[in-house]
Amino acid sequence: MNTISNYVDSIFANLPKTPEVLDQKNAMLTKMQDNYQELKSAGKSEHEAISGAIAAYGNIDDFIPSSTLAPPPENTQNEVYLTPEQVDEYIDHRHHFAWAMATGVFLCIMGPSSLFLGQYLTGDRNAHGGRTSELLDILTLVPLFLFVAAGVALFILYGMKEQQFELEQKRIKLDSSTYARLKAEHKSFRPRLAVAVAIGVALCILAPVSLLLSVVLIGEDNSLSLVFLLSFIAIGVFLFIFYGIQDETYEKLLSIGDFSKDKAEKNKLVGIVAGVVFPLAAAIYLIAGFVYYAWASAWIIFPITGILFGIFATVYNGYMDLKTKK
């Protein structure tokens, strides 16, 4: 009898302990024990009675639907395995992608800077008695459109190349040796990232300082102050994006940081909010600049947006952590 009980226990060991499953387990055990007693009464041996009971009522499909028996499928559709060659190809692409995105943003920021530089030069010519035609005023817009067009072209070109890898929302699987190699590369990359971020932050802090100094030294009504402001910001943002994307590449390949399983789920909403808030801030800055000529003061929208978004992300992630612990 103990053999039958152990048999039933082993069959139901991996099934959920719901009342319905436990009832079916007891039903199987009862039928097998009853059949065992019948076979023993008919003169069967212990071994024959147990074998007969198992053959008659030992099929779990007669008690539990097959859908309940099937183990929960592993979520492998969001996972992809990369060979060492594919990893090297992806890293090489991401290096060029980082350069393209950083350069594209740099050009888009330097576009208005070129406009202000042109206005300064044409204004200086007027101050010396030169005649500035409407055509010359229009020509000062040409560098702006060229810079922005070049930046957008980089976004489109390398954005399409990024999509070819089809790794968006995918968890990457690597062999142990490749994982160890990338881990070492990432560790050696982090000091360079720290230096780049420090320089970028320093440039963004010095940007308004350069504007104030140019106002004091050159005069209040000069476009060069905006050229200095935007140039400092453009270089700082270039460093943030160029090194940030490369760090993101390592984190994605290693499934760490923002790409760890738990963090990826939490960052979905944060990413959606970021995709709305920062383009909106840029649009407000451009409107304030072109419509109200507030280039010198409207830049404050970016640090304010960054601070508010940082607070939101911190509070949201903290709330999700507390919710998970509960």
C-alpha atoms as a PDB file:
ATOM      1  CA  MET A   1       0.000   0.000   0.000  1.00  0.00           C
ATOM      2  CA  ASN A   2       2.861   2.350   0.728  1.00  0.00           C
ATOM      3  CA  THR A   3       4.058   1.806  -2.827  1.00  0.00           C
ATOM      4  CA  ILE A   4       0.745   3.071  -4.205  1.00  0.00           C
ATOM      5  CA  SER A   5       0.743   6.101  -1.903  1.00  0.00           C
ATOM      6  CA  ASN A   6       4.312   6.988  -2.907  1.00  0.00           C
ATOM      7  CA  TYR A   7       3.409   6.563  -6.572  1.00  0.00           C
ATOM      8  CA  VAL A   8       0.471   8.997  -6.285  1.00  0.00           C
ATOM      9  CA  ASP A   9       2.562  11.494  -4.298  1.00  0.00           C
ATOM     10  CA  SER A  10       5.287  11.490  -6.963  1.00  0.00           C
ATOM     11  CA  ILE A  11       2.785  12.111  -9.754  1.00  0.00           C
ATOM     12  CA  PHE A  12       1.180  15.100  -8.009  1.00  0.00           C
ATOM     13  CA  ALA A  13       4.432  16.511  -6.585  1.00  0.00           C
ATOM     14  CA  ASN A  14       4.885  19.206  -9.287  1.00  0.00           C
ATOM     15  CA  LEU A  15       1.231  20.199  -9.546  1.00  0.00           C
ATOM     16  CA  PRO A  16      -0.288  23.193  -7.748  1.00  0.00           C
ATOM     17  CA  LYS A  17      -1.742  22.381  -4.346  1.00  0.00           C
ATOM     18  CA  THR A  18      -5.220  23.667  -5.144  1.00  0.00           C
ATOM     19  CA  PRO A  19      -8.338  22.109  -3.600  1.00  0.00           C
ATOM     20  CA  GLU A  20      -9.375  20.716  -6.988  1.00  0.00           C
ATOM     21  CA  VAL A  21      -6.015  19.019  -7.546  1.00  0.00           C
ATOM     22  CA  LEU A  22      -5.976  17.593  -4.008  1.00  0.00           C
ATOM     23  CA  ASP A  23      -9.476  16.179  -4.506  1.00  0.00           C
ATOM     24  CA  GLN A  24      -8.369  14.442  -7.702  1.00  0.00           C
ATOM     25  CA  LYS A  25      -5.273  13.132  -5.937  1.00  0.00           C
ATOM     26  CA  ASN A  26      -7.428  11.570  -3.209  1.00  0.00           C
ATOM     27  CA  ALA A  27      -9.780  10.172  -5.848  1.00  0.00           C
ATOM     28  CA  MET A  28      -6.904   8.459  -7.676  1.00  0.00           C
ATOM     29  CA  LEU A  29      -5.455   7.103  -4.460  1.00  0.00           C
ATOM     30  CA  THR A  30      -8.846   5.726  -3.376  1.00  0.00           C
ATOM     31  CA  LYS A  31      -9.522   3.994  -6.712  1.00  0.00           C
ATOM     32  CA  MET A  32      -6.031   2.471  -6.806  1.00  0.00           C
ATOM     33  CA  GLN A  33      -6.315   1.207  -3.223  1.00  0.00           C
ATOM     34  CA  ASP A  34      -9.770  -0.254  -3.892  1.00  0.00           C
ATOM     35  CA  ASN A  35      -8.523  -1.958  -7.040  1.00  0.00           C
ATOM     36  CA  TYR A  36      -5.497  -3.225  -5.151  1.00  0.00           C
ATOM     37  CA  GLN A  37      -7.761  -4.815  -2.533  1.00  0.00           C
ATOM     38  CA  GLU A  38      -9.916  -6.402  -5.262  1.00  0.00           C
ATOM     39  CA  LEU A  39      -6.865  -7.899  -6.965  1.00  0.00           C
ATOM     40  CA  LYS A  40      -5.530  -9.206  -3.666  1.00  0.00           C
ATOM     41  CA  SER A  41      -8.918 -10.795  -2.922  1.00  0.00           C
ATOM     42  CA  ALA A  42      -8.797 -12.453  -6.326  1.00  0.00           C
ATOM     43  CA  GLY A  43      -5.603 -14.212  -5.305  1.00  0.00           C
ATOM     44  CA  LYS A  44      -3.076 -11.918  -6.993  1.00  0.00           C
ATOM     45  CA  SER A  45       0.356 -11.458  -5.443  1.00  0.00           C
ATOM     46  CA  GLU A  46       1.485  -8.197  -3.881  1.00  0.00           C
ATOM     47  CA  HIS A  47       3.496  -7.250  -6.971  1.00  0.00           C
ATOM     48  CA  GLU A  48       0.682  -8.214  -9.355  1.00  0.00           C
ATOM     49  CA  ALA A  49      -1.907  -6.294  -7.335  1.00  0.00           C
ATOM     50  CA  ILE A  50       0.181  -3.120  -7.283  1.00  0.00           C
ATOM     51  CA  SER A  51       1.024  -3.371 -10.985  1.00  0.00           C
ATOM     52  CA  GLY A  52      -2.650  -3.991 -11.833  1.00  0.00           C
ATOM     53  CA  ALA A  53      -3.831  -1.008  -9.783  1.00  0.00           C
ATOM     54  CA  ILE A  54      -1.291   1.268 -11.423  1.00  0.00           C
ATOM     55  CA  ALA A  55      -2.211   0.008 -14.884  1.00  0.00           C
ATOM     56  CA  ALA A  56      -5.926   0.514 -14.236  1.00  0.00           C
ATOM     57  CA  TYR A  57      -5.951   3.903 -12.450  1.00  0.00           C
ATOM     58  CA  GLY A  58      -2.387   5.214 -12.609  1.00  0.00           C
ATOM     59  CA  ASN A  59      -2.916   7.441 -15.617  1.00  0.00           C
ATOM     60  CA  ILE A  60      -3.136  10.995 -14.327  1.00  0.00           C
ATOM     61  CA  ASP A  61      -4.827  12.186 -17.517  1.00  0.00           C
ATOM     62  CA  ASP A  62      -7.966  10.379 -16.323  1.00  0.00           C
ATOM     63  CA  PHE A  63      -8.137  12.711 -13.318  1.00  0.00           C
ATOM     64  CA  ILE A  64      -6.410  15.980 -14.278  1.00  0.00           C
ATOM     65  CA  PRO A  65      -6.831  17.836 -17.651  1.00  0.00           C
ATOM     66  CA  SER A  66      -3.664  17.855 -19.766  1.00  0.00           C
ATOM     67  CA  SER A  67      -3.618  21.671 -19.701  1.00  0.00           C
ATOM     68  CA  THR A  68      -3.161  21.547 -15.945  1.00  0.00           C
ATOM     69  CA  LEU A  69      -0.391  19.002 -16.233  1.00  0.00           C
ATOM     70  CA  ALA A  70       1.687  20.956 -18.725  1.00  0.00           C
ATOM     71  CA  PRO A  71       4.424  22.958 -16.991  1.00  0.00           C
ATOM     72  CA  PRO A  72       4.174  26.708 -17.482  1.00  0.00           C
ATOM     73  CA  PRO A  73       5.947  27.576 -20.729  1.00  0.00           C
ATOM     74  CA  GLU A  74       9.183  29.490 -20.335  1.00  0.00           C
ATOM     75  CA  ASN A  75       9.095  32.982 -21.749  1.00  0.00           C
ATOM     76  CA  THR A  76      11.791  32.389 -24.323  1.00  0.00           C
ATOM     77  CA  GLN A  77      10.336  34.541 -27.078  1.00  0.00           C
ATOM     78  CA  ASN A  78      11.902  37.617 -25.467  1.00  0.00           C
ATOM     79  CA  GLU A  79      15.326  35.973 -25.211  1.00  0.00           C
ATOM     80  CA  VAL A  80      17.955  35.700 -27.913  1.00  0.00           C
ATOM     81  CA  TYR A  81      21.335  33.964 -27.929  1.00  0.00           C
ATOM     82  CA  LEU A  82      24.280  35.799 -29.499  1.00  0.00           C
ATOM     83  CA  THR A  83      27.484  34.124 -30.622  1.00  0.00           C
ATOM     84  CA  PRO A  84      30.843  35.829 -29.872  1.00  0.00           C
ATOM     85  CA  GLU A  85      30.989  36.993 -33.494  1.00  0.00           C
ATOM     86  CA  GLN A  86      27.503  38.504 -33.274  1.00  0.00           C
ATOM     87  CA  VAL A  87      28.425  40.217 -30.009  1.00  0.00           C
ATOM     88  CA  ASP A  88      31.512  41.825 -31.590  1.00  0.00           C
ATOM     89  CA  GLU A  89      29.443  42.930 -34.587  1.00  0.00           C
ATOM     90  CA  TYR A  90      26.815  44.464 -32.288  1.00  0.00           C
ATOM     91  CA  ILE A  91      29.421  46.284 -30.184  1.00  0.00           C
ATOM     92  CA  ASP A  92      31.067  47.695 -33.325  1.00  0.00           C
ATOM     93  CA  HIS A  93      27.677  48.887 -34.583  1.00  0.00           C
ATOM     94  CA  ARG A  94      26.806  50.447 -31.225  1.00  0.00           C
ATOM     95  CA  HIS A  95      30.111  52.341 -31.181  1.00  0.00           C
ATOM     96  CA  HIS A  96      29.244  53.913 -34.524  1.00  0.00           C
ATOM     97  CA  PHE A  97      25.627  54.358 -33.387  1.00  0.00           C
ATOM     98  CA  ALA A  98      26.806  56.241 -30.280  1.00  0.00           C
ATOM     99  CA  TRP A  99      28.988  58.491 -32.420  1.00  0.00           C
ATOM    100  CA  ALA A 100      26.113  59.157 -34.866  1.00  0.00           C
ATOM    101  CA  MET A 101      23.529  59.942 -32.168  1.00  0.00           C
ATOM    102  CA  ALA A 102      25.928  62.166 -30.225  1.00  0.00           C
ATOM    103  CA  THR A 103      27.039  63.981 -33.388  1.00  0.00           C
ATOM    104  CA  GLY A 104      23.434  64.372 -34.547  1.00  0.00           C
ATOM    105  CA  VAL A 105      22.402  66.023 -31.293  1.00  0.00           C
ATOM    106  CA  PHE A 106      25.574  68.153 -31.341  1.00  0.00           C
ATOM    107  CA  LEU A 107      24.716  69.399 -34.844  1.00  0.00           C
ATOM    108  CA  CYS A 108      21.107  70.141 -33.889  1.00  0.00           C
ATOM    109  CA  ILE A 109      22.294  72.251 -30.948  1.00  0.00           C
ATOM    110  CA  MET A 110      24.996  73.970 -32.975  1.00  0.00           C
ATOM    111  CA  GLY A 111      22.475  74.849 -35.701  1.00  0.00           C
ATOM    112  CA  PRO A 112      20.972  77.761 -33.730  1.00  0.00           C
ATOM    113  CA  SER A 113      24.502  78.626 -32.602  1.00  0.00           C
ATOM    114  CA  SER A 114      25.524  79.074 -36.248  1.00  0.00           C
ATOM    115  CA  LEU A 115      22.482  81.281 -36.745  1.00  0.00           C
ATOM    116  CA  PHE A 116      23.475  83.535 -33.850  1.00  0.00           C
ATOM    117  CA  LEU A 117      27.049  83.668 -35.113  1.00  0.00           C
ATOM    118  CA  GLY A 118      25.794  84.750 -38.525  1.00  0.00           C
ATOM    119  CA  GLN A 119      23.598  87.407 -36.962  1.00  0.00           C
ATOM    120  CA  TYR A 120      26.554  88.675 -34.948  1.00  0.00           C
ATOM    121  CA  LEU A 121      28.753  88.915 -38.044  1.00  0.00           C
ATOM    122  CA  THR A 122      26.116  90.660 -40.144  1.00  0.00           C
ATOM    123  CA  GLY A 123      25.309  93.001 -37.254  1.00  0.00           C
ATOM    124  CA  ASP A 124      29.010  93.846 -36.892  1.00  0.00           C
ATOM    125  CA  ARG A 125      29.105  94.642 -40.612  1.00  0.00           C
ATOM    126  CA  ASN A 126      26.160  97.015 -40.207  1.00  0.00           C
ATOM    127  CA  ALA A 127      27.911  98.704 -37.293  1.00  0.00           C
ATOM    128  CA  HIS A 128      30.814  99.506 -39.622  1.00  0.00           C
ATOM    129  CA  GLY A 129      28.595 100.967 -42.265  1.00  0.00           C
ATOM    130  CA  GLY A 130      28.146  97.908 -44.444  1.00  0.00           C
ATOM    131  CA  ARG A 131      24.902  97.257 -46.284  1.00  0.00           C
ATOM    132  CA  THR A 132      23.178  94.035 -45.286  1.00  0.00           C
ATOM    133  CA  SER A 133      20.555  92.940 -47.762  1.00  0.00           C
ATOM    134  CA  GLU A 134      17.557  90.730 -47.094  1.00  0.00           C
ATOM    135  CA  LEU A 135      19.362  88.004 -49.029  1.00  0.00           C
ATOM    136  CA  LEU A 136      22.258  88.150 -46.568  1.00  0.00           C
ATOM    137  CA  ASP A 137      19.821  87.838 -43.645  1.00  0.00           C
ATOM    138  CA  ILE A 138      18.279  84.786 -45.278  1.00  0.00           C
ATOM    139  CA  LEU A 139      21.709  83.250 -45.883  1.00  0.00           C
ATOM    140  CA  THR A 140      22.365  83.277 -42.145  1.00  0.00           C
ATOM    141  CA  LEU A 141      19.610  80.634 -41.895  1.00  0.00           C
ATOM    142  CA  VAL A 142      21.371  78.277 -44.297  1.00  0.00           C
ATOM    143  CA  PRO A 143      23.880  76.877 -41.768  1.00  0.00           C
ATOM    144  CA  LEU A 144      21.022  76.262 -39.301  1.00  0.00           C
ATOM    145  CA  PHE A 145      19.122  74.091 -41.776  1.00  0.00           C
ATOM    146  CA  LEU A 146      22.296  72.345 -42.942  1.00  0.00           C
ATOM    147  CA  PHE A 147      23.279  71.423 -39.382  1.00  0.00           C
ATOM    148  CA  VAL A 148      19.806  70.205 -38.492  1.00  0.00           C
ATOM    149  CA  ALA A 149      19.456  68.275 -41.773  1.00  0.00           C
ATOM    150  CA  ALA A 150      22.789  66.541 -41.204  1.00  0.00           C
ATOM    151  CA  GLY A 151      21.795  65.643 -37.642  1.00  0.00           C
ATOM    152  CA  VAL A 152      18.416  64.245 -38.689  1.00  0.00           C
ATOM    153  CA  ALA A 153      20.085  62.257 -41.480  1.00  0.00           C
ATOM    154  CA  LEU A 154      22.368  60.597 -38.914  1.00  0.00           C
ATOM    155  CA  PHE A 155      19.369  59.793 -36.703  1.00  0.00           C
ATOM    156  CA  ILE A 156      17.518  58.126 -39.562  1.00  0.00           C
ATOM    157  CA  LEU A 157      20.483  56.280 -41.068  1.00  0.00           C
ATOM    158  CA  TYR A 158      21.807  54.750 -37.868  1.00  0.00           C
ATOM    159  CA  GLY A 159      18.331  54.326 -36.389  1.00  0.00           C
ATOM    160  CA  MET A 160      17.477  52.025 -39.309  1.00  0.00           C
ATOM    161  CA  LYS A 161      20.708  50.084 -38.757  1.00  0.00           C
ATOM    162  CA  GLU A 162      19.811  49.715 -35.079  1.00  0.00           C
ATOM    163  CA  GLN A 163      16.473  48.130 -36.013  1.00  0.00           C
ATOM    164  CA  GLN A 164      18.206  45.489 -38.141  1.00  0.00           C
ATOM    165  CA  PHE A 165      19.556  43.780 -35.020  1.00  0.00           C
ATOM    166  CA  GLU A 166      15.997  43.265 -33.681  1.00  0.00           C
ATOM    167  CA  LEU A 167      17.163  43.313 -30.049  1.00  0.00           C
ATOM    168  CA  GLU A 168      14.631  45.829 -28.746  1.00  0.00           C
ATOM    169  CA  GLN A 169      12.877  44.470 -25.628  1.00  0.00           C
ATOM    170  CA  LYS A 170      15.005  41.307 -25.878  1.00  0.00           C
ATOM    171  CA  ARG A 171      17.043  39.673 -23.124  1.00  0.00           C
ATOM    172  CA  ILE A 172      20.414  38.567 -24.480  1.00  0.00           C
ATOM    173  CA  LYS A 173      21.969  35.206 -23.618  1.00  0.00           C
ATOM    174  CA  LEU A 174      25.752  34.697 -23.902  1.00  0.00           C
ATOM    175  CA  ASP A 175      28.176  31.866 -23.343  1.00  0.00           C
ATOM    176  CA  SER A 176      30.227  32.046 -20.147  1.00  0.00           C
ATOM    177  CA  SER A 177      33.523  33.059 -21.789  1.00  0.00           C
ATOM    178  CA  THR A 178      31.941  35.887 -23.780  1.00  0.00           C
ATOM    179  CA  TYR A 179      30.093  37.079 -20.682  1.00  0.00           C
ATOM    180  CA  ALA A 180      33.324  37.142 -18.667  1.00  0.00           C
ATOM    181  CA  ARG A 181      35.130  39.052 -21.426  1.00  0.00           C
ATOM    182  CA  LEU A 182      32.387  41.689 -21.668  1.00  0.00           C
ATOM    183  CA  LYS A 183      32.303  41.991 -17.893  1.00  0.00           C
ATOM    184  CA  ALA A 184      36.027  42.818 -17.884  1.00  0.00           C
ATOM    185  CA  GLU A 185      35.646  45.280 -20.779  1.00  0.00           C
ATOM    186  CA  HIS A 186      32.767  47.016 -19.022  1.00  0.00           C
ATOM    187  CA  LYS A 187      34.791  47.320 -15.822  1.00  0.00           C
ATOM    188  CA  SER A 188      37.662  48.998 -17.689  1.00  0.00           C
ATOM    189  CA  PHE A 189      35.206  51.278 -19.529  1.00  0.00           C
ATOM    190  CA  ARG A 190      33.534  52.659 -16.396  1.00  0.00           C
ATOM    191  CA  PRO A 191      36.405  55.026 -15.409  1.00  0.00           C
ATOM    192  CA  ARG A 192      36.307  56.625 -18.869  1.00  0.00           C
ATOM    193  CA  LEU A 193      32.545  57.021 -18.526  1.00  0.00           C
ATOM    194  CA  ALA A 194      32.972  58.718 -15.145  1.00  0.00           C
ATOM    195  CA  VAL A 195      35.521  61.192 -16.574  1.00  0.00           C
ATOM    196  CA  ALA A 196      33.279  61.964 -19.567  1.00  0.00           C
ATOM    197  CA  VAL A 197      30.239  62.565 -17.365  1.00  0.00           C
ATOM    198  CA  ALA A 198      32.265  64.801 -15.031  1.00  0.00           C
ATOM    199  CA  ILE A 199      33.522  66.900 -17.971  1.00  0.00           C
ATOM    200  CA  GLY A 200      30.022  67.073 -19.448  1.00  0.00           C
ATOM    201  CA  VAL A 201      28.502  68.246 -16.170  1.00  0.00           C
ATOM    202  CA  ALA A 202      31.260  70.840 -15.778  1.00  0.00           C
ATOM    203  CA  LEU A 203      30.623  72.187 -19.290  1.00  0.00           C
ATOM    204  CA  CYS A 204      26.867  72.436 -18.696  1.00  0.00           C
ATOM    205  CA  ILE A 205      27.528  74.324 -15.447  1.00  0.00           C
ATOM    206  CA  LEU A 206      30.012  76.630 -17.187  1.00  0.00           C
ATOM    207  CA  ALA A 207      27.608  77.301 -20.085  1.00  0.00           C
ATOM    208  CA  PRO A 208      25.576  80.023 -18.311  1.00  0.00           C
ATOM    209  CA  VAL A 209      28.805  81.348 -16.797  1.00  0.00           C
ATOM    210  CA  SER A 210      30.233  81.825 -20.308  1.00  0.00           C
ATOM    211  CA  LEU A 211      27.032  83.618 -21.296  1.00  0.00           C
ATOM    212  CA  LEU A 212      27.286  86.007 -18.358  1.00  0.00           C
ATOM    213  CA  LEU A 213      30.980  86.699 -18.996  1.00  0.00           C
ATOM    214  CA  SER A 214      30.349  87.440 -22.669  1.00  0.00           C
ATOM    215  CA  VAL A 215      27.558  89.839 -21.693  1.00  0.00           C
ATOM    216  CA  VAL A 216      29.891  91.638 -19.275  1.00  0.00           C
ATOM    217  CA  LEU A 217      32.920  91.738 -21.609  1.00  0.00           C
ATOM    218  CA  ILE A 218      31.269  92.231 -25.017  1.00  0.00           C
ATOM    219  CA  GLY A 219      27.956  93.834 -24.175  1.00  0.00           C
ATOM    220  CA  GLU A 220      24.374  92.892 -23.473  1.00  0.00           C
ATOM    221  CA  ASP A 221      23.135  93.043 -27.058  1.00  0.00           C
ATOM    222  CA  ASN A 222      25.420  90.497 -28.683  1.00  0.00           C
ATOM    223  CA  SER A 223      24.697  87.122 -30.216  1.00  0.00           C
ATOM    224  CA  LEU A 224      28.078  85.676 -29.300  1.00  0.00           C
ATOM    225  CA  SER A 225      26.883  85.097 -25.738  1.00  0.00           C
ATOM    226  CA  LEU A 226      24.355  82.587 -27.088  1.00  0.00           C
ATOM    227  CA  VAL A 227      27.032  81.005 -29.271  1.00  0.00           C
ATOM    228  CA  PHE A 228      29.177  80.363 -26.199  1.00  0.00           C
ATOM    229  CA  LEU A 229      26.209  79.058 -24.207  1.00  0.00           C
ATOM    230  CA  LEU A 230      25.075  76.576 -26.860  1.00  0.00           C
ATOM    231  CA  SER A 231      28.618  75.474 -27.708  1.00  0.00           C
ATOM    232  CA  PHE A 232      29.361  74.488 -24.107  1.00  0.00           C
ATOM    233  CA  ILE A 233      26.041  72.651 -23.854  1.00  0.00           C
ATOM    234  CA  ALA A 234      26.556  70.906 -27.212  1.00  0.00           C
ATOM    235  CA  ILE A 235      29.949  69.496 -26.192  1.00  0.00           C
ATOM    236  CA  GLY A 236      28.638  68.387 -22.803  1.00  0.00           C
ATOM    237  CA  VAL A 237      25.608  66.654 -24.321  1.00  0.00           C
ATOM    238  CA  PHE A 238      27.857  64.976 -26.910  1.00  0.00           C
ATOM    239  CA  LEU A 239      29.898  63.407 -24.105  1.00  0.00           C
ATOM    240  CA  PHE A 240      26.776  62.280 -22.236  1.00  0.00           C
ATOM    241  CA  ILE A 241      25.283  60.575 -25.278  1.00  0.00           C
ATOM    242  CA  PHE A 242      28.463  59.095 -26.766  1.00  0.00           C
ATOM    243  CA  TYR A 243      29.657  57.443 -23.576  1.00  0.00           C
ATOM    244  CA  GLY A 244      26.168  56.777 -22.234  1.00  0.00           C
ATOM    245  CA  ILE A 245      25.145  54.691 -25.249  1.00  0.00           C
ATOM    246  CA  GLN A 246      28.319  52.618 -25.029  1.00  0.00           C
ATOM    247  CA  ASP A 247      27.706  51.972 -21.332  1.00  0.00           C
ATOM    248  CA  GLU A 248      24.119  51.055 -22.174  1.00  0.00           C
ATOM    249  CA  THR A 249      25.423  48.565 -24.748  1.00  0.00           C
ATOM    250  CA  TYR A 250      27.430  46.684 -22.130  1.00  0.00           C
ATOM    251  CA  GLU A 251      24.511  46.707 -19.695  1.00  0.00           C
ATOM    252  CA  LYS A 252      22.184  45.319 -22.357  1.00  0.00           C
ATOM    253  CA  LEU A 253      24.583  42.531 -23.342  1.00  0.00           C
ATOM    254  CA  LEU A 254      25.238  41.626 -19.709  1.00  0.00           C
ATOM    255  CA  SER A 255      21.579  42.064 -18.643  1.00  0.00           C
ATOM    256  CA  ILE A 256      22.588  44.316 -15.749  1.00  0.00           C
ATOM    257  CA  GLY A 257      21.679  47.813 -14.586  1.00  0.00           C
ATOM    258  CA  ASP A 258      18.643  49.149 -16.396  1.00  0.00           C
ATOM    259  CA  PHE A 259      18.453  45.929 -18.422  1.00  0.00           C
ATOM    260  CA  SER A 260      18.221  43.500 -15.520  1.00  0.00           C
ATOM    261  CA  LYS A 261      14.957  41.600 -15.432  1.00  0.00           C
ATOM    262  CA  ASP A 262      13.386  43.497 -12.535  1.00  0.00           C
ATOM    263  CA  LYS A 263      14.734  46.901 -13.576  1.00  0.00           C
ATOM    264  CA  ALA A 264      13.564  46.480 -17.185  1.00  0.00           C
ATOM    265  CA  GLU A 265       9.965  46.028 -16.040  1.00  0.00           C
ATOM    266  CA  LYS A 266      10.107  49.102 -13.811  1.00  0.00           C
ATOM    267  CA  ASN A 267      11.759  51.272 -16.474  1.00  0.00           C
ATOM    268  CA  LYS A 268       9.017  50.773 -19.068  1.00  0.00           C
ATOM    269  CA  LEU A 269       6.866  53.594 -17.682  1.00  0.00           C
ATOM    270  CA  VAL A 270       9.936  55.736 -16.955  1.00  0.00           C
ATOM    271  CA  GLY A 271      11.038  55.336 -20.575  1.00  0.00           C
ATOM    272  CA  ILE A 272       7.589  56.286 -21.878  1.00  0.00           C
ATOM    273  CA  VAL A 273       7.528  59.430 -19.726  1.00  0.00           C
ATOM    274  CA  ALA A 274      11.053  60.361 -20.818  1.00  0.00           C
ATOM    275  CA  GLY A 275      10.062  59.940 -24.473  1.00  0.00           C
ATOM    276  CA  VAL A 276       7.347  62.566 -23.966  1.00  0.00           C
ATOM    277  CA  VAL A 277       8.861  65.000 -21.457  1.00  0.00           C
ATOM    278  CA  PHE A 278      12.255  65.723 -23.033  1.00  0.00           C
ATOM    279  CA  PRO A 279      11.046  66.311 -26.628  1.00  0.00           C
ATOM    280  CA  LEU A 280       8.349  68.541 -25.124  1.00  0.00           C
ATOM    281  CA  ALA A 281      11.012  70.507 -23.229  1.00  0.00           C
ATOM    282  CA  ALA A 282      13.004  70.920 -26.448  1.00  0.00           C
ATOM    283  CA  ALA A 283       9.893  72.131 -28.279  1.00  0.00           C
ATOM    284  CA  ILE A 284       9.179  74.681 -25.527  1.00  0.00           C
ATOM    285  CA  TYR A 285      12.773  75.916 -25.729  1.00  0.00           C
ATOM    286  CA  LEU A 286      12.596  76.369 -29.506  1.00  0.00           C
ATOM    287  CA  ILE A 287       9.230  78.138 -29.321  1.00  0.00           C
ATOM    288  CA  ALA A 288      10.497  80.462 -26.601  1.00  0.00           C
ATOM    289  CA  GLY A 289      13.604  81.171 -28.642  1.00  0.00           C
ATOM    290  CA  PHE A 290      12.171  81.708 -32.121  1.00  0.00           C
ATOM    291  CA  VAL A 291       8.876  83.328 -31.101  1.00  0.00           C
ATOM    292  CA  TYR A 292       9.833  85.297 -27.982  1.00  0.00           C
ATOM    293  CA  TYR A 293      13.619  85.568 -28.594  1.00  0.00           C
ATOM    294  CA  ALA A 294      14.255  84.180 -25.102  1.00  0.00           C
ATOM    295  CA  TRP A 295      17.295  82.070 -26.018  1.00  0.00           C
ATOM    296  CA  ALA A 296      19.323  83.505 -23.153  1.00  0.00           C
ATOM    297  CA  SER A 297      16.813  82.559 -20.445  1.00  0.00           C
ATOM    298  CA  ALA A 298      14.753  79.679 -21.865  1.00  0.00           C
ATOM    299  CA  TRP A 299      17.637  77.219 -21.505  1.00  0.00           C
ATOM    300  CA  ILE A 300      16.641  76.896 -17.838  1.00  0.00           C
ATOM    301  CA  ILE A 301      13.854  74.551 -19.004  1.00  0.00           C
ATOM    302  CA  PHE A 302      16.399  71.751 -19.484  1.00  0.00           C
ATOM    303  CA  PRO A 303      17.880  71.576 -15.959  1.00  0.00           C
ATOM    304  CA  ILE A 304      14.397  72.023 -14.467  1.00  0.00           C
ATOM    305  CA  THR A 305      13.043  69.179 -16.614  1.00  0.00           C
ATOM    306  CA  GLY A 306      16.012  66.989 -15.727  1.00  0.00           C
ATOM    307  CA  ILE A 307      15.575  67.591 -11.992  1.00  0.00           C
ATOM    308  CA  LEU A 308      11.814  66.978 -12.033  1.00  0.00           C
ATOM    309  CA  PHE A 309      12.195  63.854 -14.157  1.00  0.00           C
ATOM    310  CA  GLY A 310      14.933  62.552 -11.850  1.00  0.00           C
ATOM    311  CA  ILE A 311      12.626  63.045  -8.860  1.00  0.00           C
ATOM    312  CA  PHE A 312       9.792  61.261 -10.662  1.00  0.00           C
ATOM    313  CA  ALA A 313      11.992  58.303 -11.664  1.00  0.00           C
ATOM    314  CA  THR A 314      13.396  57.967  -8.143  1.00  0.00           C
ATOM    315  CA  VAL A 315       9.974  58.107  -6.456  1.00  0.00           C
ATOM    316  CA  TYR A 316       8.414  55.709  -8.967  1.00  0.00           C
ATOM    317  CA  ASN A 317      11.227  53.156  -8.714  1.00  0.00           C
ATOM    318  CA  GLY A 318      11.154  53.400  -4.923  1.00  0.00           C
ATOM    319  CA  TYR A 319       7.404  52.824  -4.910  1.00  0.00           C
ATOM    320  CA  MET A 320       7.785  49.795  -7.197  1.00  0.00           C
ATOM    321  CA  ASP A 321      10.517  48.378  -4.932  1.00  0.00           C
ATOM    322  CA  LEU A 322       8.268  48.691  -1.874  1.00  0.00           C
ATOM    323  CA  LYS A 323       5.380  47.153  -3.775  1.00  0.00           C
ATOM    324  CA  THR A 324       7.544  44.201  -4.830  1.00  0.00           C
ATOM    325  CA  LYS A 325       8.731  43.587  -1.255  1.00  0.00           C
ATOM    326  CA  LYS A 326       5.153  43.482  -0.030  1.00  0.00           C
END
